[in-house]
Amino acid sequence: MDRDELDLLSAQLVEGGAEERGVADVIATLKESGCSIVESLYMISKVFSLSLADAKAAVMTGPSWSKESEDHEEFHEKLIEGFEREG
């Protein structure tokens, strides 16, 4: 999605009662709408006025992105191990 599409979706979520629905439900909606993890981080930060660190924690620990989060964690661990071996 481009920035304009994300901003439009953000406005729709706010108007649709995102605060009442809660972060986890909105994250699920974002994923179903085709948002990537990075786009979801941006949107959660914007819609709920969270820091990027807090938005990342919400997205990465929630059920919607749990499989991808595990895959990313494994990748990061292998990347760090590789750098340490080369270092």
N, C-alpha and C. Protein backbone atom coordinates (compact mmCIF):
# COMPACT_ATOMS: atom_id res chain seq x y z
N MET A 1 0.85 -1.18 0.00
CA MET A 1 0.00 0.00 0.00
C MET A 1 0.89 1.24 0.00
N ASP A 2 0.42 2.28 -0.68
CA ASP A 2 1.19 3.52 -0.64
C ASP A 2 0.73 4.36 0.56
N ARG A 3 1.42 5.44 0.80
CA ARG A 3 1.17 6.28 1.98
C ARG A 3 -0.26 6.83 1.99
N ASP A 4 -0.78 7.23 0.84
CA ASP A 4 -2.16 7.75 0.78
C ASP A 4 -3.17 6.67 1.16
N GLU A 5 -2.95 5.45 0.68
CA GLU A 5 -3.85 4.35 1.02
C GLU A 5 -3.79 4.05 2.52
N LEU A 6 -2.60 4.09 3.09
CA LEU A 6 -2.45 3.86 4.52
C LEU A 6 -3.15 4.95 5.33
N ASP A 7 -3.00 6.20 4.90
CA ASP A 7 -3.65 7.31 5.60
C ASP A 7 -5.17 7.20 5.52
N LEU A 8 -5.69 6.79 4.36
CA LEU A 8 -7.13 6.59 4.20
C LEU A 8 -7.61 5.47 5.10
N LEU A 9 -6.89 4.36 5.12
CA LEU A 9 -7.25 3.24 5.98
C LEU A 9 -7.18 3.65 7.45
N SER A 10 -6.20 4.44 7.81
CA SER A 10 -6.08 4.94 9.18
C SER A 10 -7.31 5.73 9.58
N ALA A 11 -7.74 6.64 8.72
CA ALA A 11 -8.93 7.45 9.00
C ALA A 11 -10.16 6.56 9.12
N GLN A 12 -10.28 5.55 8.27
CA GLN A 12 -11.42 4.64 8.33
C GLN A 12 -11.42 3.85 9.63
N LEU A 13 -10.25 3.43 10.08
CA LEU A 13 -10.16 2.69 11.33
C LEU A 13 -10.57 3.55 12.52
N VAL A 14 -10.10 4.79 12.53
CA VAL A 14 -10.45 5.70 13.62
C VAL A 14 -11.96 5.95 13.62
N GLU A 15 -12.51 6.24 12.45
CA GLU A 15 -13.95 6.49 12.34
C GLU A 15 -14.76 5.24 12.68
N GLY A 16 -14.19 4.07 12.43
CA GLY A 16 -14.88 2.81 12.69
C GLY A 16 -14.75 2.32 14.11
N GLY A 17 -14.18 3.13 14.99
CA GLY A 17 -14.09 2.77 16.40
C GLY A 17 -12.92 1.88 16.76
N ALA A 18 -11.77 2.17 16.20
CA ALA A 18 -10.58 1.35 16.46
C ALA A 18 -10.27 1.27 17.95
N GLU A 19 -10.40 2.38 18.65
CA GLU A 19 -10.10 2.39 20.09
C GLU A 19 -10.95 1.37 20.84
N GLU A 20 -12.22 1.29 20.49
CA GLU A 20 -13.12 0.37 21.17
C GLU A 20 -12.83 -1.09 20.79
N ARG A 21 -12.39 -1.29 19.55
CA ARG A 21 -12.11 -2.65 19.07
C ARG A 21 -10.86 -3.22 19.68
N GLY A 22 -9.89 -2.37 19.95
CA GLY A 22 -8.64 -2.81 20.55
C GLY A 22 -7.56 -3.07 19.53
N VAL A 23 -6.34 -3.05 20.02
CA VAL A 23 -5.16 -3.16 19.16
C VAL A 23 -5.14 -4.49 18.42
N ALA A 24 -5.35 -5.61 19.11
CA ALA A 24 -5.25 -6.93 18.47
C ALA A 24 -6.24 -7.08 17.33
N ASP A 25 -7.46 -6.59 17.52
CA ASP A 25 -8.47 -6.69 16.47
C ASP A 25 -8.10 -5.83 15.27
N VAL A 26 -7.58 -4.65 15.53
CA VAL A 26 -7.17 -3.76 14.43
C VAL A 26 -5.99 -4.36 13.67
N ILE A 27 -5.05 -4.97 14.38
CA ILE A 27 -3.92 -5.62 13.72
C ILE A 27 -4.42 -6.73 12.79
N ALA A 28 -5.37 -7.52 13.27
CA ALA A 28 -5.94 -8.58 12.43
C ALA A 28 -6.60 -7.99 11.19
N THR A 29 -7.32 -6.89 11.35
CA THR A 29 -7.97 -6.23 10.21
C THR A 29 -6.93 -5.73 9.22
N LEU A 30 -5.85 -5.17 9.72
CA LEU A 30 -4.79 -4.67 8.84
C LEU A 30 -4.17 -5.81 8.03
N LYS A 31 -3.90 -6.91 8.68
CA LYS A 31 -3.31 -8.05 7.97
C LYS A 31 -4.28 -8.56 6.91
N GLU A 32 -5.55 -8.68 7.28
CA GLU A 32 -6.57 -9.14 6.32
C GLU A 32 -6.72 -8.17 5.16
N SER A 33 -6.43 -6.90 5.39
CA SER A 33 -6.53 -5.88 4.35
C SER A 33 -5.31 -5.86 3.43
N GLY A 34 -4.31 -6.68 3.75
CA GLY A 34 -3.13 -6.77 2.91
C GLY A 34 -1.94 -5.95 3.37
N CYS A 35 -2.02 -5.39 4.57
CA CYS A 35 -0.88 -4.62 5.10
C CYS A 35 0.26 -5.56 5.47
N SER A 36 1.47 -5.10 5.25
CA SER A 36 2.66 -5.84 5.67
C SER A 36 2.91 -5.59 7.16
N ILE A 37 3.90 -6.25 7.71
CA ILE A 37 4.26 -6.01 9.11
C ILE A 37 4.65 -4.55 9.31
N VAL A 38 5.48 -4.03 8.43
CA VAL A 38 5.94 -2.64 8.56
C VAL A 38 4.76 -1.68 8.45
N GLU A 39 3.87 -1.93 7.51
CA GLU A 39 2.68 -1.08 7.38
C GLU A 39 1.80 -1.18 8.61
N SER A 40 1.69 -2.38 9.17
CA SER A 40 0.90 -2.57 10.39
C SER A 40 1.52 -1.79 11.55
N LEU A 41 2.85 -1.81 11.66
CA LEU A 41 3.53 -1.03 12.71
C LEU A 41 3.19 0.44 12.57
N TYR A 42 3.30 0.95 11.35
CA TYR A 42 3.01 2.36 11.08
C TYR A 42 1.57 2.68 11.47
N MET A 43 0.64 1.83 11.05
CA MET A 43 -0.77 2.10 11.29
C MET A 43 -1.12 2.03 12.78
N ILE A 44 -0.62 1.03 13.47
CA ILE A 44 -0.91 0.91 14.91
C ILE A 44 -0.33 2.10 15.65
N SER A 45 0.86 2.51 15.27
CA SER A 45 1.47 3.70 15.88
C SER A 45 0.59 4.92 15.66
N LYS A 46 0.11 5.08 14.45
CA LYS A 46 -0.68 6.25 14.10
C LYS A 46 -2.08 6.21 14.73
N VAL A 47 -2.78 5.10 14.59
CA VAL A 47 -4.16 4.99 15.05
C VAL A 47 -4.26 5.06 16.57
N PHE A 48 -3.32 4.43 17.28
CA PHE A 48 -3.39 4.38 18.73
C PHE A 48 -2.41 5.33 19.42
N SER A 49 -1.75 6.18 18.64
CA SER A 49 -0.78 7.15 19.18
C SER A 49 0.29 6.47 20.04
N LEU A 50 0.84 5.38 19.51
CA LEU A 50 1.88 4.65 20.22
C LEU A 50 3.24 4.98 19.62
N SER A 51 4.27 4.82 20.42
CA SER A 51 5.63 4.94 19.88
C SER A 51 5.84 3.76 18.93
N LEU A 52 6.81 3.88 18.05
CA LEU A 52 7.09 2.76 17.15
C LEU A 52 7.52 1.52 17.92
N ALA A 53 8.23 1.70 19.03
CA ALA A 53 8.65 0.56 19.85
C ALA A 53 7.43 -0.16 20.43
N ASP A 54 6.46 0.61 20.94
CA ASP A 54 5.25 0.01 21.50
C ASP A 54 4.40 -0.64 20.41
N ALA A 55 4.33 0.01 19.25
CA ALA A 55 3.58 -0.56 18.13
C ALA A 55 4.23 -1.87 17.67
N LYS A 56 5.56 -1.88 17.61
CA LYS A 56 6.28 -3.09 17.21
C LYS A 56 6.00 -4.22 18.19
N ALA A 57 6.03 -3.91 19.47
CA ALA A 57 5.76 -4.94 20.49
C ALA A 57 4.35 -5.50 20.31
N ALA A 58 3.38 -4.63 20.06
CA ALA A 58 1.99 -5.07 19.90
C ALA A 58 1.84 -5.95 18.66
N VAL A 59 2.43 -5.54 17.56
CA VAL A 59 2.30 -6.28 16.31
C VAL A 59 3.05 -7.61 16.38
N MET A 60 4.28 -7.58 16.85
CA MET A 60 5.12 -8.77 16.81
C MET A 60 4.75 -9.82 17.86
N THR A 61 4.09 -9.42 18.93
CA THR A 61 3.72 -10.39 19.96
C THR A 61 2.27 -10.84 19.85
N GLY A 62 1.51 -10.19 18.99
CA GLY A 62 0.10 -10.55 18.82
C GLY A 62 -0.08 -11.79 17.96
N PRO A 63 -1.27 -12.36 18.01
CA PRO A 63 -1.52 -13.60 17.27
C PRO A 63 -1.52 -13.46 15.75
N SER A 64 -1.84 -12.30 15.23
CA SER A 64 -1.95 -12.13 13.78
C SER A 64 -0.64 -12.34 13.04
N TRP A 65 0.45 -11.89 13.62
CA TRP A 65 1.75 -11.96 12.96
C TRP A 65 2.71 -12.90 13.68
N SER A 66 2.22 -13.80 14.53
CA SER A 66 3.10 -14.62 15.36
C SER A 66 4.03 -15.51 14.52
N LYS A 67 3.53 -16.14 13.48
CA LYS A 67 4.37 -17.01 12.65
C LYS A 67 5.47 -16.21 11.98
N GLU A 68 5.12 -15.10 11.38
CA GLU A 68 6.11 -14.25 10.72
C GLU A 68 7.12 -13.71 11.72
N SER A 69 6.64 -13.37 12.91
CA SER A 69 7.52 -12.86 13.95
C SER A 69 8.56 -13.91 14.35
N GLU A 70 8.12 -15.15 14.48
CA GLU A 70 9.04 -16.24 14.81
C GLU A 70 10.07 -16.42 13.70
N ASP A 71 9.61 -16.37 12.45
CA ASP A 71 10.53 -16.51 11.31
C ASP A 71 11.56 -15.38 11.30
N HIS A 72 11.11 -14.16 11.59
CA HIS A 72 12.03 -13.02 11.61
C HIS A 72 13.05 -13.17 12.73
N GLU A 73 12.59 -13.65 13.88
CA GLU A 73 13.49 -13.83 15.02
C GLU A 73 14.57 -14.85 14.68
N GLU A 74 14.17 -15.96 14.06
CA GLU A 74 15.15 -16.97 13.65
C GLU A 74 16.16 -16.38 12.68
N PHE A 75 15.69 -15.61 11.71
CA PHE A 75 16.57 -14.98 10.73
C PHE A 75 17.56 -14.05 11.42
N HIS A 76 17.07 -13.22 12.34
CA HIS A 76 17.95 -12.28 13.04
C HIS A 76 19.01 -13.02 13.85
N GLU A 77 18.61 -14.11 14.51
CA GLU A 77 19.57 -14.88 15.30
C GLU A 77 20.67 -15.47 14.40
N LYS A 78 20.26 -16.02 13.25
CA LYS A 78 21.25 -16.58 12.32
C LYS A 78 22.14 -15.50 11.74
N LEU A 79 21.59 -14.35 11.47
CA LEU A 79 22.37 -13.24 10.94
C LEU A 79 23.43 -12.80 11.96
N ILE A 80 23.02 -12.66 13.21
CA ILE A 80 23.95 -12.26 14.27
C ILE A 80 25.05 -13.31 14.44
N GLU A 81 24.65 -14.59 14.44
CA GLU A 81 25.64 -15.67 14.55
C GLU A 81 26.66 -15.60 13.42
N GLY A 82 26.19 -15.35 12.21
CA GLY A 82 27.08 -15.25 11.06
C GLY A 82 28.07 -14.11 11.21
N PHE A 83 27.57 -12.96 11.65
CA PHE A 83 28.46 -11.81 11.85
C PHE A 83 29.48 -12.08 12.95
N GLU A 84 29.05 -12.76 14.01
CA GLU A 84 29.97 -13.06 15.11
C GLU A 84 31.06 -14.02 14.66
N ARG A 85 30.71 -14.99 13.81
CA ARG A 85 31.72 -15.93 13.29
C ARG A 85 32.72 -15.22 12.39
N GLU A 86 32.23 -14.28 11.60
CA GLU A 86 33.08 -13.56 10.66
C GLU A 86 33.90 -12.46 11.34
N GLY A 87 33.36 -11.95 12.45
CA GLY A 87 33.90 -10.79 13.11
C GLY A 87 35.21 -10.91 13.72
